[in-house]
N, C-alpha and C. Protein backbone atom coordinates (compact mmCIF):
# COMPACT_ATOMS: atom_id res chain seq x y z
N MET A 1 -11.53 22.95 -7.39
CA MET A 1 -10.86 22.43 -6.37
C MET A 1 -10.26 23.51 -5.56
N PRO A 2 -10.08 23.26 -4.21
CA PRO A 2 -9.48 24.31 -3.39
C PRO A 2 -8.02 24.54 -3.79
N GLU A 3 -7.48 25.68 -3.61
CA GLU A 3 -6.19 26.09 -3.91
C GLU A 3 -5.04 25.23 -3.39
N TYR A 4 -5.33 24.70 -2.16
CA TYR A 4 -4.35 23.82 -1.45
C TYR A 4 -4.13 22.51 -2.13
N ILE A 5 -5.09 22.06 -3.08
CA ILE A 5 -5.01 20.78 -3.79
C ILE A 5 -4.23 20.91 -4.99
N GLU A 6 -3.26 20.07 -5.09
CA GLU A 6 -2.50 20.11 -6.31
C GLU A 6 -2.74 18.76 -7.18
N PHE A 7 -3.37 18.93 -8.44
CA PHE A 7 -3.75 17.96 -9.11
C PHE A 7 -2.55 17.60 -10.27
N ILE A 8 -2.04 16.40 -10.43
CA ILE A 8 -1.00 16.03 -11.25
C ILE A 8 -1.43 15.05 -12.22
N ALA A 9 -1.67 15.32 -13.60
CA ALA A 9 -2.11 14.37 -14.46
C ALA A 9 -1.10 13.74 -15.18
N ASP A 10 -1.13 12.41 -15.29
CA ASP A 10 -0.11 11.53 -16.01
C ASP A 10 1.34 11.85 -15.73
N PRO A 11 1.61 11.70 -14.42
CA PRO A 11 3.00 11.85 -13.97
C PRO A 11 3.90 10.82 -14.59
N VAL A 12 5.18 11.23 -14.82
CA VAL A 12 6.13 10.30 -15.26
C VAL A 12 6.73 9.35 -14.15
N GLU A 13 7.25 8.31 -14.36
CA GLU A 13 7.66 7.37 -13.28
C GLU A 13 8.50 8.14 -12.09
N GLU A 14 9.44 8.93 -12.46
CA GLU A 14 10.12 9.66 -11.42
C GLU A 14 9.31 10.44 -10.60
N GLU A 15 8.26 11.14 -11.19
CA GLU A 15 7.35 12.07 -10.41
C GLU A 15 6.56 11.05 -9.42
N ILE A 16 6.19 9.96 -10.00
CA ILE A 16 5.26 9.02 -9.05
C ILE A 16 6.09 8.71 -7.87
N THR A 17 7.40 8.31 -8.02
CA THR A 17 8.19 7.91 -6.80
C THR A 17 8.38 9.02 -5.86
N GLU A 18 8.51 10.23 -6.34
CA GLU A 18 8.67 11.36 -5.54
C GLU A 18 7.33 11.61 -4.78
N LEU A 19 6.31 11.52 -5.47
CA LEU A 19 4.99 11.81 -4.80
C LEU A 19 4.77 10.69 -3.65
N TYR A 20 5.06 9.42 -3.89
CA TYR A 20 5.02 8.53 -2.81
C TYR A 20 5.98 8.83 -1.68
N ARG A 21 7.19 9.21 -2.01
CA ARG A 21 8.11 9.50 -0.91
C ARG A 21 7.75 10.80 -0.14
N GLY A 22 7.08 11.67 -0.81
CA GLY A 22 6.62 12.98 -0.10
C GLY A 22 5.29 12.92 0.67
N SER A 23 4.74 11.69 0.57
CA SER A 23 3.45 11.47 1.30
C SER A 23 3.62 10.54 2.45
N ASP A 24 2.83 10.88 3.49
CA ASP A 24 2.68 10.14 4.61
C ASP A 24 1.71 8.91 4.54
N ILE A 25 0.69 9.09 3.85
CA ILE A 25 -0.40 7.98 3.61
C ILE A 25 -0.63 7.90 2.25
N PHE A 26 -0.76 6.65 1.77
CA PHE A 26 -1.27 6.28 0.45
C PHE A 26 -2.81 5.75 0.69
N LEU A 27 -3.72 6.43 0.12
CA LEU A 27 -5.11 6.03 0.19
C LEU A 27 -5.51 5.16 -1.04
N PHE A 28 -5.74 3.89 -0.89
CA PHE A 28 -6.16 2.95 -1.94
C PHE A 28 -7.77 2.77 -1.83
N THR A 29 -8.45 3.39 -2.74
CA THR A 29 -9.89 3.32 -2.61
C THR A 29 -10.52 2.38 -3.60
N SER A 30 -9.79 1.52 -4.39
CA SER A 30 -10.45 0.65 -5.41
C SER A 30 -11.26 -0.33 -4.74
N LEU A 31 -12.39 -0.52 -5.39
CA LEU A 31 -13.39 -1.47 -4.97
C LEU A 31 -13.13 -2.85 -5.49
N TYR A 32 -12.51 -2.88 -6.70
CA TYR A 32 -12.14 -4.13 -7.41
C TYR A 32 -10.83 -3.96 -8.04
N GLU A 33 -9.93 -4.81 -8.05
CA GLU A 33 -8.60 -4.67 -8.54
C GLU A 33 -7.97 -5.97 -9.00
N GLY A 34 -7.31 -5.91 -10.08
CA GLY A 34 -6.66 -7.16 -10.57
C GLY A 34 -5.53 -7.59 -9.59
N PHE A 35 -4.66 -6.63 -9.34
CA PHE A 35 -3.60 -6.95 -8.40
C PHE A 35 -3.51 -5.68 -7.44
N GLY A 36 -3.27 -4.52 -7.91
CA GLY A 36 -2.99 -3.42 -6.87
C GLY A 36 -1.61 -3.11 -6.73
N LEU A 37 -0.96 -2.81 -7.79
CA LEU A 37 0.46 -2.42 -7.73
C LEU A 37 0.69 -1.09 -7.01
N PRO A 38 -0.05 -0.07 -7.20
CA PRO A 38 0.17 1.18 -6.61
C PRO A 38 0.30 1.13 -5.04
N PRO A 39 -0.49 0.44 -4.31
CA PRO A 39 -0.19 0.22 -2.94
C PRO A 39 1.06 -0.32 -2.58
N ALA A 40 1.56 -1.33 -3.28
CA ALA A 40 2.81 -1.91 -2.97
C ALA A 40 4.03 -1.03 -3.39
N GLU A 41 3.75 -0.22 -4.44
CA GLU A 41 4.88 0.82 -4.77
C GLU A 41 4.91 1.84 -3.66
N ALA A 42 3.86 2.30 -3.19
CA ALA A 42 3.79 3.34 -2.09
C ALA A 42 4.45 2.82 -0.85
N MET A 43 4.19 1.52 -0.46
CA MET A 43 4.68 0.92 0.69
C MET A 43 6.17 0.75 0.44
N ALA A 44 6.70 0.51 -0.70
CA ALA A 44 8.17 0.33 -1.02
C ALA A 44 8.83 1.67 -0.76
N CYS A 45 8.06 2.87 -0.80
CA CYS A 45 8.61 4.14 -0.66
C CYS A 45 8.43 4.70 0.75
N ARG A 46 8.02 3.75 1.75
CA ARG A 46 7.79 4.00 3.09
C ARG A 46 6.57 4.85 3.29
N CYS A 47 5.58 4.76 2.46
CA CYS A 47 4.27 5.40 2.61
C CYS A 47 3.28 4.48 3.29
N ALA A 48 2.80 4.87 4.44
CA ALA A 48 1.73 3.96 5.17
C ALA A 48 0.60 3.83 4.21
N LEU A 49 0.02 2.62 4.18
CA LEU A 49 -1.17 2.33 3.32
C LEU A 49 -2.46 2.30 4.26
N ALA A 50 -3.29 2.98 3.74
CA ALA A 50 -4.82 2.97 4.20
C ALA A 50 -5.62 2.55 3.01
N GLY A 51 -6.23 1.35 2.98
CA GLY A 51 -6.84 1.01 1.71
C GLY A 51 -7.87 -0.10 1.85
N ASN A 52 -8.56 -0.35 0.73
CA ASN A 52 -9.53 -1.41 0.72
C ASN A 52 -8.87 -2.69 0.52
N ARG A 53 -9.59 -3.72 1.14
CA ARG A 53 -9.05 -5.11 0.90
C ARG A 53 -9.57 -5.59 -0.52
N SER A 54 -8.83 -5.30 -1.55
CA SER A 54 -9.15 -5.65 -2.88
C SER A 54 -7.95 -5.90 -3.64
N GLY A 55 -8.02 -6.62 -4.78
CA GLY A 55 -6.93 -7.18 -5.49
C GLY A 55 -6.00 -8.12 -4.61
N ALA A 56 -4.70 -7.89 -4.76
CA ALA A 56 -3.74 -8.74 -3.84
C ALA A 56 -3.36 -8.03 -2.76
N VAL A 57 -3.79 -7.00 -2.39
CA VAL A 57 -3.52 -6.13 -1.15
C VAL A 57 -3.43 -7.04 0.07
N PRO A 58 -4.56 -7.79 0.36
CA PRO A 58 -4.52 -8.73 1.51
C PRO A 58 -3.36 -9.73 1.55
N GLU A 59 -2.77 -9.97 0.28
CA GLU A 59 -1.71 -10.94 0.24
C GLU A 59 -0.33 -10.41 0.62
N PHE A 60 -0.16 -9.10 0.45
CA PHE A 60 1.17 -8.41 0.92
C PHE A 60 1.02 -7.42 2.04
N THR A 61 -0.12 -7.49 2.83
CA THR A 61 -0.26 -6.70 3.93
C THR A 61 -0.83 -7.45 4.99
N GLU A 62 -0.73 -6.93 6.31
CA GLU A 62 -1.54 -7.38 7.48
C GLU A 62 -2.03 -6.20 8.27
N HIS A 63 -3.39 -6.28 8.38
CA HIS A 63 -4.11 -5.23 8.96
C HIS A 63 -3.50 -4.93 10.39
N LEU A 64 -3.43 -3.58 10.61
CA LEU A 64 -2.99 -3.05 11.93
C LEU A 64 -1.38 -3.27 12.18
N LYS A 65 -0.67 -4.05 11.32
CA LYS A 65 0.66 -4.24 11.29
C LYS A 65 1.44 -3.63 10.27
N SER A 66 1.10 -3.80 9.00
CA SER A 66 1.78 -3.37 7.88
C SER A 66 0.83 -2.45 7.00
N ALA A 67 -0.29 -2.34 7.39
CA ALA A 67 -1.40 -1.41 6.76
C ALA A 67 -2.62 -1.30 7.50
N MET A 68 -3.31 -0.32 7.07
CA MET A 68 -4.67 -0.16 7.65
C MET A 68 -5.65 -0.55 6.69
N LEU A 69 -6.41 -1.70 6.72
CA LEU A 69 -7.43 -2.17 5.80
C LEU A 69 -8.83 -2.00 6.14
N ALA A 70 -9.55 -1.79 5.05
CA ALA A 70 -11.00 -1.60 5.19
C ALA A 70 -11.82 -2.46 4.19
N SER A 71 -13.05 -2.69 4.51
CA SER A 71 -13.85 -3.43 3.53
C SER A 71 -14.14 -2.45 2.52
N PRO A 72 -14.19 -2.93 1.11
CA PRO A 72 -14.41 -1.97 0.06
C PRO A 72 -15.90 -1.43 0.10
N GLU A 73 -16.77 -2.16 0.73
CA GLU A 73 -18.27 -1.86 0.82
C GLU A 73 -18.58 -0.84 1.95
N ASN A 74 -17.51 -0.45 2.76
CA ASN A 74 -17.69 0.41 3.92
C ASN A 74 -16.80 1.61 3.79
N PRO A 75 -17.13 2.69 3.26
CA PRO A 75 -16.33 3.94 3.18
C PRO A 75 -16.04 4.48 4.63
N ASP A 76 -16.98 4.31 5.47
CA ASP A 76 -16.74 4.82 6.91
C ASP A 76 -15.47 4.20 7.55
N GLU A 77 -15.26 2.84 7.30
CA GLU A 77 -14.28 2.06 7.83
C GLU A 77 -12.93 2.59 7.17
N LEU A 78 -12.95 2.86 5.94
CA LEU A 78 -11.68 3.55 5.40
C LEU A 78 -11.35 4.93 5.99
N PHE A 79 -12.42 5.73 6.09
CA PHE A 79 -12.19 7.05 6.79
C PHE A 79 -11.63 6.77 8.13
N SER A 80 -12.06 5.78 8.95
CA SER A 80 -11.52 5.51 10.29
C SER A 80 -9.98 5.12 10.24
N CYS A 81 -9.61 4.30 9.14
CA CYS A 81 -8.31 3.95 8.97
C CYS A 81 -7.35 5.20 8.84
N VAL A 82 -7.77 6.14 8.02
CA VAL A 82 -7.05 7.32 7.74
C VAL A 82 -7.05 8.21 8.99
N ASP A 83 -8.14 8.33 9.57
CA ASP A 83 -8.27 9.15 10.89
C ASP A 83 -7.31 8.72 11.88
N TYR A 84 -7.28 7.30 12.05
CA TYR A 84 -6.38 6.63 13.07
C TYR A 84 -4.93 7.03 12.65
N LEU A 85 -4.45 6.96 11.58
CA LEU A 85 -3.16 7.23 11.22
C LEU A 85 -2.83 8.69 11.39
N LEU A 86 -3.76 9.52 10.96
CA LEU A 86 -3.58 11.07 11.22
C LEU A 86 -3.56 11.54 12.65
N SER A 87 -4.19 10.64 13.55
CA SER A 87 -4.30 11.04 14.86
C SER A 87 -3.14 10.33 15.80
N ASN A 88 -2.45 9.40 15.09
CA ASN A 88 -1.45 8.53 15.87
C ASN A 88 -0.15 8.64 15.02
N ARG A 89 0.67 9.57 15.16
CA ARG A 89 1.70 9.80 14.48
C ARG A 89 2.78 8.64 14.68
N ASN A 90 2.89 8.05 15.88
CA ASN A 90 3.80 7.00 16.21
C ASN A 90 3.38 5.73 15.44
N GLU A 91 2.07 5.54 15.36
CA GLU A 91 1.39 4.33 14.59
C GLU A 91 1.71 4.53 13.28
N LEU A 92 1.53 5.70 12.69
CA LEU A 92 1.70 5.99 11.23
C LEU A 92 3.17 5.60 10.95
N LYS A 93 4.12 6.02 11.75
CA LYS A 93 5.59 5.80 11.47
C LYS A 93 5.75 4.15 11.55
N ARG A 94 5.22 3.60 12.55
CA ARG A 94 5.46 2.14 12.70
C ARG A 94 4.81 1.24 11.60
N ILE A 95 3.59 1.73 11.17
CA ILE A 95 2.91 0.99 9.96
C ILE A 95 3.70 1.32 8.73
N SER A 96 4.17 2.50 8.57
CA SER A 96 4.99 2.92 7.46
C SER A 96 6.31 1.90 7.25
N ASP A 97 6.97 1.86 8.57
CA ASP A 97 8.24 1.02 8.53
C ASP A 97 7.83 -0.52 8.32
N GLU A 98 6.76 -0.91 8.95
CA GLU A 98 6.43 -2.31 8.76
C GLU A 98 5.93 -2.60 7.43
N GLY A 99 5.12 -1.73 6.81
CA GLY A 99 4.72 -1.94 5.41
C GLY A 99 5.95 -2.04 4.49
N TYR A 100 6.95 -1.20 4.73
CA TYR A 100 8.03 -1.23 3.86
C TYR A 100 8.84 -2.56 3.96
N LYS A 101 8.99 -3.08 5.21
CA LYS A 101 9.59 -4.37 5.33
C LYS A 101 8.68 -5.56 4.72
N LYS A 102 7.43 -5.38 4.98
CA LYS A 102 6.50 -6.48 4.59
C LYS A 102 6.39 -6.62 3.01
N VAL A 103 6.30 -5.54 2.37
CA VAL A 103 6.20 -5.50 0.90
C VAL A 103 7.62 -6.01 0.32
N ARG A 104 8.69 -5.43 0.84
CA ARG A 104 10.01 -5.89 0.18
C ARG A 104 10.23 -7.44 0.40
N ASP A 105 9.79 -7.87 1.52
CA ASP A 105 9.80 -9.30 1.82
C ASP A 105 8.93 -10.23 0.99
N THR A 106 7.60 -9.79 1.01
CA THR A 106 6.62 -10.68 0.21
C THR A 106 6.70 -10.54 -1.20
N LEU A 107 7.06 -9.42 -1.73
CA LEU A 107 7.13 -9.22 -3.19
C LEU A 107 8.58 -9.20 -3.72
N ASN A 108 9.37 -10.02 -3.14
CA ASN A 108 10.77 -10.18 -3.50
C ASN A 108 10.93 -11.07 -4.70
N TRP A 109 11.44 -10.42 -5.78
CA TRP A 109 11.59 -11.09 -7.01
C TRP A 109 12.27 -12.48 -6.99
N ASP A 110 13.49 -12.41 -6.35
CA ASP A 110 14.39 -13.61 -6.24
C ASP A 110 13.62 -14.65 -5.38
N ARG A 111 12.88 -14.37 -4.36
CA ARG A 111 12.19 -15.28 -3.60
C ARG A 111 11.10 -15.94 -4.44
N SER A 112 10.43 -15.17 -5.12
CA SER A 112 9.24 -15.55 -5.95
C SER A 112 9.85 -16.60 -7.05
N VAL A 113 10.97 -16.14 -7.68
CA VAL A 113 11.52 -17.14 -8.73
C VAL A 113 11.84 -18.46 -8.17
N ASN A 114 12.41 -18.45 -6.92
CA ASN A 114 12.88 -19.66 -6.32
C ASN A 114 11.60 -20.48 -5.81
N LYS A 115 10.68 -19.94 -5.41
CA LYS A 115 9.30 -20.67 -5.05
C LYS A 115 8.78 -21.21 -6.19
N PHE A 116 8.81 -20.55 -7.40
CA PHE A 116 8.27 -21.08 -8.74
C PHE A 116 9.05 -22.11 -9.27
N GLU A 117 10.33 -22.19 -9.10
CA GLU A 117 11.29 -23.25 -9.73
C GLU A 117 11.06 -24.41 -8.82
N VAL A 118 10.89 -24.20 -7.53
CA VAL A 118 10.51 -25.46 -6.65
C VAL A 118 9.31 -26.10 -7.02
N MET A 119 8.31 -25.19 -7.30
CA MET A 119 6.96 -25.63 -7.63
C MET A 119 6.88 -26.48 -8.79
N ILE A 120 7.60 -25.91 -9.99
CA ILE A 120 7.59 -26.71 -11.28
C ILE A 120 8.48 -27.87 -11.29
N SER A 121 9.68 -27.91 -10.39
CA SER A 121 10.49 -29.07 -10.29
C SER A 121 9.89 -30.17 -9.65
N ASP A 122 8.92 -30.14 -8.79
CA ASP A 122 8.18 -31.05 -8.10
C ASP A 122 7.15 -31.88 -9.01
N LYS A 123 6.92 -31.32 -10.16
CA LYS A 123 5.88 -32.12 -11.07
C LYS A 123 6.46 -32.89 -11.93
């Protein structure tokens, strides 16, 4: 690998948070995913998401508003998402901020518990 690339194997939880916070863009390249927690974690640390529409990512993001999303079958589309964010610093900041708000609202534990309680009490 080139010298400017730092590879970190098996980071502890605190290191992961710092990696997210120190990054502008989180690149989510999974083709298939059960849920996709790392993109949500990155967004919660104000890291803009450029990623594939896989797992639950489409459930807690909105393309061009809170994330830049691509088809998992189209690597060029994902490249375009990253290129767009790198070329438009104002958009990168806006998407980072909107992603932070969206993931905190959508994946809110108290809200999820309340929705679940309503669902089971109606049966």
